[in-house]
Amino acid sequence: MRLSKEFEFFIYLLQKYATYKQMPANKVLELWNISRVFESQRLTDFIQDMYWVYHTERIENAFMDIDHILEYGVPLEGLGEFEC
């Protein structure tokens, strides 16, 4: 069975973000699962929806956006227009 390119990127981003934060990947996933974007959407779902933006930019841009969401509950200005 082949994973979708979106899911493969999600796993890649999860692993890279965990390294960036010096946290185990399972703890990052737990944090992403309980965090919300715009008070309703799970962060994990938002990240998957943002595949077309995140995979074409520097990985650090995704990190900054995720950090901003975790702190403020919304993505960095200008990214919301790319929501799927």
N, C-alpha and C. Protein backbone atom coordinates (compact mmCIF):
# COMPACT_ATOMS: atom_id res chain seq x y z
N MET A 1 0.84 -1.18 0.00
CA MET A 1 0.00 0.00 0.00
C MET A 1 0.89 1.25 0.00
N ARG A 2 0.57 2.18 -0.85
CA ARG A 2 1.33 3.41 -0.98
C ARG A 2 0.60 4.53 -0.25
N LEU A 3 1.37 5.30 0.52
CA LEU A 3 0.81 6.46 1.21
C LEU A 3 0.66 7.61 0.22
N SER A 4 -0.32 8.46 0.44
CA SER A 4 -0.48 9.63 -0.42
C SER A 4 0.70 10.57 -0.20
N LYS A 5 0.98 11.38 -1.20
CA LYS A 5 2.09 12.34 -1.07
C LYS A 5 1.80 13.34 0.04
N GLU A 6 0.52 13.67 0.26
CA GLU A 6 0.15 14.58 1.34
C GLU A 6 0.46 13.97 2.71
N PHE A 7 0.14 12.68 2.87
CA PHE A 7 0.41 12.02 4.14
C PHE A 7 1.90 11.83 4.36
N GLU A 8 2.62 11.49 3.30
CA GLU A 8 4.08 11.37 3.42
C GLU A 8 4.69 12.70 3.86
N PHE A 9 4.22 13.80 3.29
CA PHE A 9 4.73 15.11 3.70
C PHE A 9 4.35 15.42 5.14
N PHE A 10 3.13 15.06 5.55
CA PHE A 10 2.71 15.29 6.93
C PHE A 10 3.67 14.59 7.90
N ILE A 11 4.01 13.36 7.60
CA ILE A 11 4.94 12.60 8.45
C ILE A 11 6.32 13.27 8.45
N TYR A 12 6.78 13.67 7.29
CA TYR A 12 8.06 14.38 7.17
C TYR A 12 8.05 15.66 8.01
N LEU A 13 6.99 16.46 7.86
CA LEU A 13 6.87 17.71 8.61
C LEU A 13 6.82 17.44 10.11
N LEU A 14 6.09 16.43 10.52
CA LEU A 14 6.00 16.06 11.93
C LEU A 14 7.39 15.72 12.48
N GLN A 15 8.13 14.91 11.75
CA GLN A 15 9.47 14.51 12.21
C GLN A 15 10.42 15.71 12.26
N LYS A 16 10.38 16.56 11.25
CA LYS A 16 11.26 17.73 11.22
C LYS A 16 10.89 18.73 12.32
N TYR A 17 9.58 18.92 12.54
CA TYR A 17 9.14 19.84 13.59
C TYR A 17 9.54 19.31 14.96
N ALA A 18 9.43 18.01 15.16
CA ALA A 18 9.83 17.40 16.44
C ALA A 18 11.32 17.63 16.69
N THR A 19 12.13 17.49 15.67
CA THR A 19 13.56 17.76 15.80
C THR A 19 13.80 19.23 16.11
N TYR A 20 13.11 20.10 15.39
CA TYR A 20 13.22 21.55 15.60
C TYR A 20 12.86 21.94 17.04
N LYS A 21 11.85 21.31 17.60
CA LYS A 21 11.40 21.60 18.96
C LYS A 21 12.09 20.75 20.02
N GLN A 22 12.92 19.81 19.57
CA GLN A 22 13.59 18.87 20.47
C GLN A 22 12.58 18.15 21.35
N MET A 23 11.56 17.61 20.70
CA MET A 23 10.49 16.86 21.37
C MET A 23 10.32 15.54 20.64
N PRO A 24 9.85 14.51 21.33
CA PRO A 24 9.51 13.27 20.63
C PRO A 24 8.33 13.52 19.68
N ALA A 25 8.35 12.88 18.53
CA ALA A 25 7.29 13.08 17.53
C ALA A 25 5.91 12.76 18.07
N ASN A 26 5.81 11.75 18.94
CA ASN A 26 4.49 11.41 19.48
C ASN A 26 3.94 12.54 20.35
N LYS A 27 4.80 13.28 21.04
CA LYS A 27 4.36 14.41 21.86
C LYS A 27 3.90 15.58 20.97
N VAL A 28 4.63 15.79 19.87
CA VAL A 28 4.22 16.83 18.92
C VAL A 28 2.85 16.49 18.35
N LEU A 29 2.66 15.24 17.96
CA LEU A 29 1.37 14.82 17.41
C LEU A 29 0.25 15.01 18.42
N GLU A 30 0.50 14.69 19.68
CA GLU A 30 -0.50 14.92 20.72
C GLU A 30 -0.84 16.41 20.82
N LEU A 31 0.17 17.25 20.80
CA LEU A 31 -0.04 18.70 20.87
C LEU A 31 -0.85 19.18 19.66
N TRP A 32 -0.48 18.71 18.48
CA TRP A 32 -1.20 19.11 17.27
C TRP A 32 -2.65 18.63 17.31
N ASN A 33 -2.89 17.45 17.88
CA ASN A 33 -4.25 16.90 17.92
C ASN A 33 -5.17 17.67 18.86
N ILE A 34 -4.64 18.26 19.92
CA ILE A 34 -5.49 18.99 20.87
C ILE A 34 -5.59 20.47 20.53
N SER A 35 -4.72 20.95 19.65
CA SER A 35 -4.71 22.37 19.29
C SER A 35 -5.72 22.65 18.19
N ARG A 36 -6.28 23.84 18.23
CA ARG A 36 -7.31 24.23 17.27
C ARG A 36 -6.89 25.47 16.50
N VAL A 37 -7.35 25.54 15.25
CA VAL A 37 -7.15 26.70 14.40
C VAL A 37 -8.51 27.35 14.23
N PHE A 38 -8.58 28.65 14.43
CA PHE A 38 -9.85 29.37 14.37
C PHE A 38 -10.88 28.76 15.32
N GLU A 39 -10.40 28.21 16.43
CA GLU A 39 -11.21 27.65 17.52
C GLU A 39 -12.02 26.42 17.14
N SER A 40 -11.90 25.92 15.92
CA SER A 40 -12.73 24.77 15.56
C SER A 40 -11.98 23.65 14.84
N GLN A 41 -11.09 23.98 13.93
CA GLN A 41 -10.41 22.96 13.14
C GLN A 41 -9.18 22.44 13.88
N ARG A 42 -9.02 21.12 13.91
CA ARG A 42 -7.82 20.56 14.52
C ARG A 42 -6.60 20.97 13.73
N LEU A 43 -5.52 21.26 14.44
CA LEU A 43 -4.28 21.66 13.79
C LEU A 43 -3.79 20.59 12.82
N THR A 44 -3.93 19.32 13.18
CA THR A 44 -3.50 18.26 12.27
C THR A 44 -4.25 18.33 10.95
N ASP A 45 -5.54 18.60 10.99
CA ASP A 45 -6.33 18.72 9.76
C ASP A 45 -5.90 19.95 8.96
N PHE A 46 -5.67 21.05 9.66
CA PHE A 46 -5.23 22.28 9.00
C PHE A 46 -3.91 22.06 8.28
N ILE A 47 -2.97 21.39 8.94
CA ILE A 47 -1.66 21.13 8.34
C ILE A 47 -1.82 20.30 7.07
N GLN A 48 -2.66 19.29 7.13
CA GLN A 48 -2.89 18.47 5.94
C GLN A 48 -3.54 19.29 4.83
N ASP A 49 -4.45 20.18 5.19
CA ASP A 49 -5.09 21.05 4.20
C ASP A 49 -4.09 22.03 3.58
N MET A 50 -3.06 22.37 4.32
CA MET A 50 -2.07 23.34 3.85
C MET A 50 -0.93 22.69 3.06
N TYR A 51 -1.08 21.43 2.72
CA TYR A 51 -0.03 20.70 1.99
C TYR A 51 0.49 21.50 0.79
N TRP A 52 -0.40 22.03 -0.03
CA TRP A 52 0.01 22.69 -1.27
C TRP A 52 0.81 23.97 -1.00
N VAL A 53 0.64 24.55 0.16
CA VAL A 53 1.44 25.73 0.53
C VAL A 53 2.73 25.28 1.20
N TYR A 54 2.59 24.44 2.22
CA TYR A 54 3.76 24.06 3.03
C TYR A 54 4.82 23.29 2.25
N HIS A 55 4.43 22.44 1.32
CA HIS A 55 5.45 21.62 0.65
C HIS A 55 6.19 22.38 -0.44
N THR A 56 5.73 23.57 -0.79
CA THR A 56 6.42 24.35 -1.81
C THR A 56 7.31 25.44 -1.24
N GLU A 57 7.26 25.63 0.06
CA GLU A 57 8.04 26.67 0.71
C GLU A 57 9.14 26.05 1.58
N ARG A 58 9.97 26.91 2.13
CA ARG A 58 10.96 26.44 3.10
C ARG A 58 10.23 25.81 4.28
N ILE A 59 10.75 24.74 4.80
CA ILE A 59 10.11 24.04 5.93
C ILE A 59 10.00 24.96 7.14
N GLU A 60 10.94 25.89 7.27
CA GLU A 60 10.91 26.83 8.40
C GLU A 60 9.68 27.73 8.36
N ASN A 61 9.15 28.00 7.16
CA ASN A 61 7.92 28.78 7.06
C ASN A 61 6.75 28.03 7.70
N ALA A 62 6.68 26.74 7.47
CA ALA A 62 5.65 25.92 8.11
C ALA A 62 5.84 25.93 9.62
N PHE A 63 7.09 25.82 10.08
CA PHE A 63 7.37 25.86 11.52
C PHE A 63 6.86 27.16 12.14
N MET A 64 7.16 28.28 11.47
CA MET A 64 6.72 29.58 12.00
C MET A 64 5.20 29.66 12.04
N ASP A 65 4.54 29.15 11.02
CA ASP A 65 3.09 29.18 10.98
C ASP A 65 2.51 28.31 12.10
N ILE A 66 3.05 27.12 12.27
CA ILE A 66 2.57 26.21 13.31
C ILE A 66 2.80 26.82 14.69
N ASP A 67 3.97 27.39 14.91
CA ASP A 67 4.24 28.05 16.19
C ASP A 67 3.23 29.17 16.46
N HIS A 68 2.92 29.94 15.43
CA HIS A 68 1.97 31.04 15.57
C HIS A 68 0.58 30.50 15.90
N ILE A 69 0.18 29.44 15.24
CA ILE A 69 -1.12 28.82 15.53
C ILE A 69 -1.17 28.30 16.96
N LEU A 70 -0.10 27.66 17.40
CA LEU A 70 -0.08 27.13 18.76
C LEU A 70 -0.18 28.24 19.79
N GLU A 71 0.40 29.41 19.50
CA GLU A 71 0.38 30.51 20.45
C GLU A 71 -0.91 31.33 20.36
N TYR A 72 -1.39 31.58 19.15
CA TYR A 72 -2.50 32.52 18.97
C TYR A 72 -3.80 31.90 18.42
N GLY A 73 -3.72 30.66 17.94
CA GLY A 73 -4.92 29.99 17.42
C GLY A 73 -5.28 30.33 15.99
N VAL A 74 -4.42 31.11 15.32
CA VAL A 74 -4.65 31.47 13.92
C VAL A 74 -3.31 31.40 13.18
N PRO A 75 -3.36 31.15 11.87
CA PRO A 75 -2.11 31.12 11.10
C PRO A 75 -1.55 32.53 10.93
N LEU A 76 -0.31 32.59 10.48
CA LEU A 76 0.30 33.88 10.18
C LEU A 76 -0.54 34.61 9.14
N GLU A 77 -0.54 35.90 9.19
CA GLU A 77 -1.33 36.71 8.26
C GLU A 77 -0.98 36.35 6.82
N GLY A 78 -2.01 36.23 6.00
CA GLY A 78 -1.80 35.95 4.60
C GLY A 78 -1.92 34.49 4.23
N LEU A 79 -1.80 33.58 5.19
CA LEU A 79 -1.91 32.17 4.84
C LEU A 79 -3.34 31.68 4.85
N GLY A 80 -4.23 32.33 5.57
CA GLY A 80 -5.61 31.87 5.65
C GLY A 80 -6.29 31.79 4.30
N GLU A 81 -5.84 32.62 3.35
CA GLU A 81 -6.47 32.61 2.03
C GLU A 81 -6.18 31.33 1.27
N PHE A 82 -5.22 30.52 1.73
CA PHE A 82 -4.87 29.29 1.05
C PHE A 82 -5.59 28.08 1.64
N GLU A 83 -6.44 28.27 2.61
CA GLU A 83 -7.12 27.15 3.23
C GLU A 83 -7.89 26.37 2.19
N CYS A 84 -7.93 25.08 2.38
CA CYS A 84 -8.68 24.22 1.48
C CYS A 84 -10.06 23.95 2.05
